[in-house]
Amino acid sequence: LASQSGDRPEIRKSQREIVPVTCSMINNMSPGEDNLRIGTYEVSQVSIVAVIRDVSYGDIYTDITIDDMTSSPITARQWVKENKNTEEMQRKCNSLVKVFGNITTFQKKKILTVFGMMTVVDLNDLTVHLLEVLRAKLSFEKDCLNSDRKESNRPKHATPFMSYGTSEMQADNKMTYDNGLSGLRAEIYRFLSNNDTIEGCSVNDIKSHFAHVTMSKLRDEIEFLCCEGHIYSTIDEDHFKASDE
């Protein structure tokens, strides 16, 4: 929804587009939401390239455990009338497949209701899928990255944590004014800027450093920093680096 000020782009649903995603992106969705939010878009129809780990047959539907190794596996549910050849499904166990489906919630868990599945023979298809995930993410976040610049670049008073020394506090104040950040946002940016690894810092690393801050608060601030272009995700949705290192 658009903000009251009208500065933020409103959420738009990509209703007919199948968006390439990872298991991690689905597992990180907020409870009670069936639409995956990527930047200024919300999507429900997705595709995943993953390995079938297990198949559980039922009278009404078949539950297929798929794992792309970006996070814990997720369940892909295929209705029996859509899955006529059970022997073919057994042959696919432990093989790579591309799954198309709708994100839904069942017993407080995110599952994928399957409307299409195909075996992946060429491993280049996995590479292409991962590149498509990154391209879709950057494309959908474009409007969010360009929004609210005026507000974020406005100088604010920094509120460094008391554990820092005087010289560090002065340095933090300068960084805060230069980047339009203050308080916890400035501290998270500073923490990520000091990391020189390729994959950056995980959310758990950030949480360990800011132990007094709740995980939900940290994720809100990380999402803001991503939308404003100060940081970006790397190997998955849980690892981040500073943009202006």
Protein backbone atom coordinates (compact mmCIF):
# COMPACT_ATOMS: atom_id res chain seq x y z
CA LEU A 1 0.00 0.00 0.00
CA ALA A 2 1.19 3.54 -0.65
CA SER A 3 2.31 5.61 2.32
CA GLN A 4 0.33 8.63 3.44
CA SER A 5 3.02 10.94 2.10
CA GLY A 6 2.71 9.38 -1.34
CA ASP A 7 6.52 9.09 -1.65
CA ARG A 8 6.72 5.29 -1.53
CA PRO A 9 5.68 3.19 -4.52
CA GLU A 10 2.59 1.10 -3.84
CA ILE A 11 2.75 -2.69 -3.74
CA ARG A 12 1.83 -4.24 -7.08
CA LYS A 13 0.88 -7.89 -7.47
CA SER A 14 2.49 -9.78 -10.33
CA GLN A 15 -0.52 -12.05 -10.74
CA ARG A 16 0.24 -13.81 -14.02
CA GLU A 17 4.02 -13.90 -13.94
CA ILE A 18 5.90 -16.96 -12.68
CA VAL A 19 8.87 -15.64 -10.71
CA PRO A 20 12.05 -17.71 -10.12
CA VAL A 21 12.83 -17.97 -6.39
CA THR A 22 14.71 -20.10 -3.84
CA CYS A 23 13.56 -22.13 -0.83
CA SER A 24 15.23 -19.55 1.41
CA MET A 25 13.04 -16.74 0.06
CA ILE A 26 9.88 -18.75 0.80
CA ASN A 27 11.05 -19.86 4.26
CA ASN A 28 11.80 -16.23 5.18
CA MET A 29 8.26 -15.04 4.41
CA SER A 30 6.30 -13.53 7.28
CA PRO A 31 3.73 -15.79 8.99
CA GLY A 32 0.24 -15.56 7.53
CA GLU A 33 1.38 -14.20 4.17
CA ASP A 34 0.83 -16.19 0.97
CA ASN A 35 2.44 -13.59 -1.28
CA LEU A 36 6.21 -13.26 -1.46
CA ARG A 37 7.27 -9.63 -1.32
CA ILE A 38 10.21 -8.67 -3.53
CA GLY A 39 10.86 -4.94 -3.57
CA THR A 40 7.63 -3.24 -4.64
CA TYR A 41 6.00 -6.44 -5.88
CA GLU A 42 4.09 -9.31 -4.29
CA VAL A 43 4.12 -12.64 -6.13
CA SER A 44 2.50 -16.00 -5.45
CA GLN A 45 3.29 -18.01 -8.59
CA VAL A 46 6.92 -19.12 -8.50
CA SER A 47 9.41 -21.61 -9.90
CA ILE A 48 12.15 -23.45 -7.98
CA VAL A 49 14.98 -25.70 -9.16
CA ALA A 50 15.68 -28.24 -6.42
CA VAL A 51 16.43 -31.86 -5.58
CA ILE A 52 13.58 -34.18 -4.60
CA ARG A 53 14.52 -35.56 -1.17
CA ASP A 54 11.37 -37.50 -0.31
CA VAL A 55 7.93 -38.35 -1.68
CA SER A 56 4.93 -39.08 0.57
CA TYR A 57 1.82 -40.46 -1.13
CA GLY A 58 -1.74 -39.84 0.05
CA ASP A 59 -5.22 -40.49 -1.27
CA ILE A 60 -5.82 -36.84 -2.10
CA TYR A 61 -2.37 -35.38 -2.67
CA THR A 62 1.32 -36.25 -2.83
CA ASP A 63 3.79 -34.31 -0.68
CA ILE A 64 7.20 -33.88 -2.30
CA THR A 65 10.11 -32.58 -0.20
CA ILE A 66 12.34 -30.39 -2.36
CA ASP A 67 15.70 -28.92 -1.37
CA ASP A 68 17.79 -26.33 -3.23
CA MET A 69 20.27 -26.07 -0.32
CA THR A 70 19.69 -22.35 0.26
CA SER A 71 17.83 -23.14 3.50
CA SER A 72 15.72 -25.93 4.95
CA PRO A 73 13.67 -27.95 2.40
CA ILE A 74 10.06 -27.05 1.62
CA THR A 75 7.04 -29.17 0.77
CA ALA A 76 5.65 -29.18 -2.77
CA ARG A 77 2.10 -30.53 -2.77
CA GLN A 78 0.72 -32.15 -5.93
CA TRP A 79 -2.92 -33.22 -6.08
CA VAL A 80 -3.50 -36.84 -7.06
CA LYS A 81 -5.48 -35.96 -10.20
CA GLU A 82 -2.50 -33.91 -11.35
CA ASN A 83 -0.03 -36.70 -10.53
CA LYS A 84 -1.23 -39.74 -12.49
CA ASN A 85 2.14 -41.45 -12.96
CA THR A 86 3.44 -42.32 -9.47
CA GLU A 87 6.20 -44.55 -10.87
CA GLU A 88 7.62 -41.58 -12.75
CA MET A 89 7.64 -39.58 -9.50
CA GLN A 90 9.56 -42.37 -7.76
CA ARG A 91 12.18 -42.28 -10.48
CA LYS A 92 12.58 -38.55 -9.92
CA CYS A 93 13.44 -39.01 -6.23
CA ASN A 94 16.96 -37.66 -5.51
CA SER A 95 17.06 -36.01 -8.94
CA LEU A 96 16.96 -32.37 -9.94
CA VAL A 97 13.60 -30.92 -10.99
CA LYS A 98 12.06 -27.57 -11.81
CA VAL A 99 8.82 -27.04 -9.91
CA PHE A 100 6.13 -24.48 -10.74
CA GLY A 101 3.49 -23.65 -8.15
CA ASN A 102 1.54 -21.26 -5.94
CA ILE A 103 2.77 -20.34 -2.46
CA THR A 104 0.20 -21.29 0.18
CA THR A 105 0.07 -21.81 3.93
CA PHE A 106 -0.91 -25.13 5.51
CA GLN A 107 -0.84 -25.61 9.29
CA LYS A 108 1.30 -22.46 9.66
CA LYS A 109 3.89 -23.81 7.21
CA LYS A 110 4.66 -22.49 3.74
CA ILE A 111 4.10 -25.05 1.00
CA LEU A 112 4.13 -24.95 -2.78
CA THR A 113 0.94 -26.12 -4.51
CA VAL A 114 2.32 -27.63 -7.72
CA PHE A 115 0.82 -27.00 -11.14
CA GLY A 116 3.85 -28.14 -13.13
CA MET A 117 7.07 -30.13 -12.76
CA MET A 118 9.86 -31.12 -15.13
CA THR A 119 13.12 -33.04 -14.75
CA VAL A 120 16.29 -30.95 -15.12
CA VAL A 121 18.75 -32.83 -17.32
CA ASP A 122 21.27 -30.09 -18.08
CA LEU A 123 22.94 -28.60 -15.00
CA ASN A 124 23.27 -25.35 -16.91
CA ASP A 125 19.55 -24.96 -16.26
CA LEU A 126 20.35 -24.67 -12.55
CA THR A 127 22.84 -21.88 -13.24
CA VAL A 128 20.32 -20.11 -15.47
CA HIS A 129 17.67 -20.37 -12.74
CA LEU A 130 19.96 -18.80 -10.12
CA LEU A 131 20.80 -15.96 -12.50
CA GLU A 132 17.09 -15.46 -13.18
CA VAL A 133 16.47 -15.27 -9.41
CA LEU A 134 19.03 -12.46 -9.12
CA ARG A 135 17.69 -10.66 -12.21
CA ALA A 136 14.09 -10.81 -10.95
CA LYS A 137 15.13 -9.62 -7.51
CA LEU A 138 17.05 -6.63 -8.91
CA SER A 139 14.24 -5.79 -11.33
CA PHE A 140 11.51 -5.88 -8.68
CA GLU A 141 13.60 -3.90 -6.18
CA LYS A 142 14.41 -1.15 -8.69
CA ASP A 143 11.47 1.08 -7.74
CA CYS A 144 12.13 0.51 -4.06
CA LEU A 145 15.80 1.47 -4.44
CA ASN A 146 14.85 4.75 -6.12
CA SER A 147 12.14 5.68 -3.60
CA ASP A 148 12.33 7.79 -0.48
CA ARG A 149 15.81 9.15 -1.34
CA LYS A 150 14.91 12.63 -0.23
CA GLU A 151 13.92 11.51 3.25
CA SER A 152 16.83 9.11 3.69
CA ASN A 153 19.43 11.73 2.65
CA ARG A 154 18.17 14.28 5.16
CA PRO A 155 20.79 14.80 7.95
CA LYS A 156 19.76 13.31 11.26
CA HIS A 157 21.28 13.14 14.71
CA ALA A 158 23.30 9.99 15.21
CA THR A 159 22.75 7.88 18.31
CA PRO A 160 25.81 5.61 18.56
CA PHE A 161 25.83 2.94 21.23
CA MET A 162 27.47 3.86 24.53
CA SER A 163 30.03 1.06 24.16
CA TYR A 164 31.93 3.05 21.50
CA GLY A 165 34.73 5.46 22.36
CA THR A 166 34.63 9.21 21.69
CA SER A 167 36.70 9.06 18.50
CA GLU A 168 34.55 6.23 17.14
CA MET A 169 31.40 8.18 17.97
CA GLN A 170 32.69 11.15 15.99
CA ALA A 171 33.48 8.92 13.03
CA ASP A 172 30.03 7.38 13.27
CA ASN A 173 28.43 10.82 13.29
CA LYS A 174 30.22 11.75 10.05
CA MET A 175 29.18 8.48 8.43
CA THR A 176 25.61 9.04 9.53
CA TYR A 177 25.38 12.45 7.88
CA ASP A 178 27.13 11.27 4.71
CA ASN A 179 24.76 8.36 4.21
CA GLY A 180 21.57 9.86 5.57
CA LEU A 181 21.44 7.14 8.23
CA SER A 182 21.16 7.32 11.99
CA GLY A 183 20.92 5.10 15.03
CA LEU A 184 20.65 1.37 14.46
CA ARG A 185 20.59 1.70 10.67
CA ALA A 186 23.93 3.51 10.72
CA GLU A 187 25.39 0.88 13.05
CA ILE A 188 24.25 -2.02 10.85
CA TYR A 189 25.71 -0.30 7.80
CA ARG A 190 28.99 0.30 9.65
CA PHE A 191 29.12 -3.34 10.76
CA LEU A 192 28.61 -4.60 7.21
CA SER A 193 31.12 -2.09 5.80
CA ASN A 194 33.81 -3.55 8.05
CA ASN A 195 33.28 -7.05 6.62
CA ASP A 196 35.48 -7.89 3.62
CA THR A 197 34.30 -11.43 2.86
CA ILE A 198 32.75 -12.25 -0.51
CA GLU A 199 29.48 -13.50 0.95
CA GLY A 200 29.17 -10.71 3.53
CA CYS A 201 27.48 -11.18 6.91
CA SER A 202 24.54 -13.42 7.66
CA VAL A 203 21.49 -12.23 9.57
CA ASN A 204 22.64 -14.43 12.47
CA ASP A 205 26.04 -12.66 12.44
CA ILE A 206 24.29 -9.31 12.62
CA LYS A 207 22.03 -10.57 15.41
CA SER A 208 25.05 -11.80 17.41
CA HIS A 209 26.64 -8.35 17.14
CA PHE A 210 23.43 -6.54 18.11
CA ALA A 211 22.26 -9.03 20.74
CA HIS A 212 20.08 -6.45 22.50
CA VAL A 213 17.96 -5.87 19.38
CA THR A 214 15.08 -8.19 18.50
CA MET A 215 15.30 -10.22 15.29
CA SER A 216 12.13 -8.64 13.89
CA LYS A 217 13.57 -5.14 14.45
CA LEU A 218 16.84 -6.14 12.77
CA ARG A 219 15.02 -7.57 9.75
CA ASP A 220 12.96 -4.37 9.42
CA GLU A 221 16.13 -2.26 9.43
CA ILE A 222 17.90 -4.61 7.00
CA GLU A 223 14.92 -4.43 4.62
CA PHE A 224 15.02 -0.62 4.78
CA LEU A 225 18.76 -0.55 4.03
CA CYS A 226 18.23 -2.92 1.08
CA CYS A 227 15.38 -0.86 -0.34
CA GLU A 228 17.48 2.31 -0.05
CA GLY A 229 20.46 0.70 -1.79
CA HIS A 230 22.85 0.95 1.18
CA ILE A 231 23.26 -2.84 1.35
CA TYR A 232 22.46 -5.80 -0.90
CA SER A 233 21.95 -9.54 -0.52
CA THR A 234 24.66 -11.88 -1.83
CA ILE A 235 24.57 -15.69 -1.86
CA ASP A 236 21.02 -15.88 -0.48
CA GLU A 237 18.37 -13.79 1.27
CA ASP A 238 20.21 -14.05 4.63
CA HIS A 239 23.65 -12.68 3.64
CA PHE A 240 24.35 -8.99 3.06
CA LYS A 241 27.17 -6.61 2.12
CA ALA A 242 27.44 -2.83 2.20
CA SER A 243 27.05 -1.20 -1.22
CA ASP A 244 29.70 1.51 -0.87
CA GLU A 245 32.68 -0.40 0.41
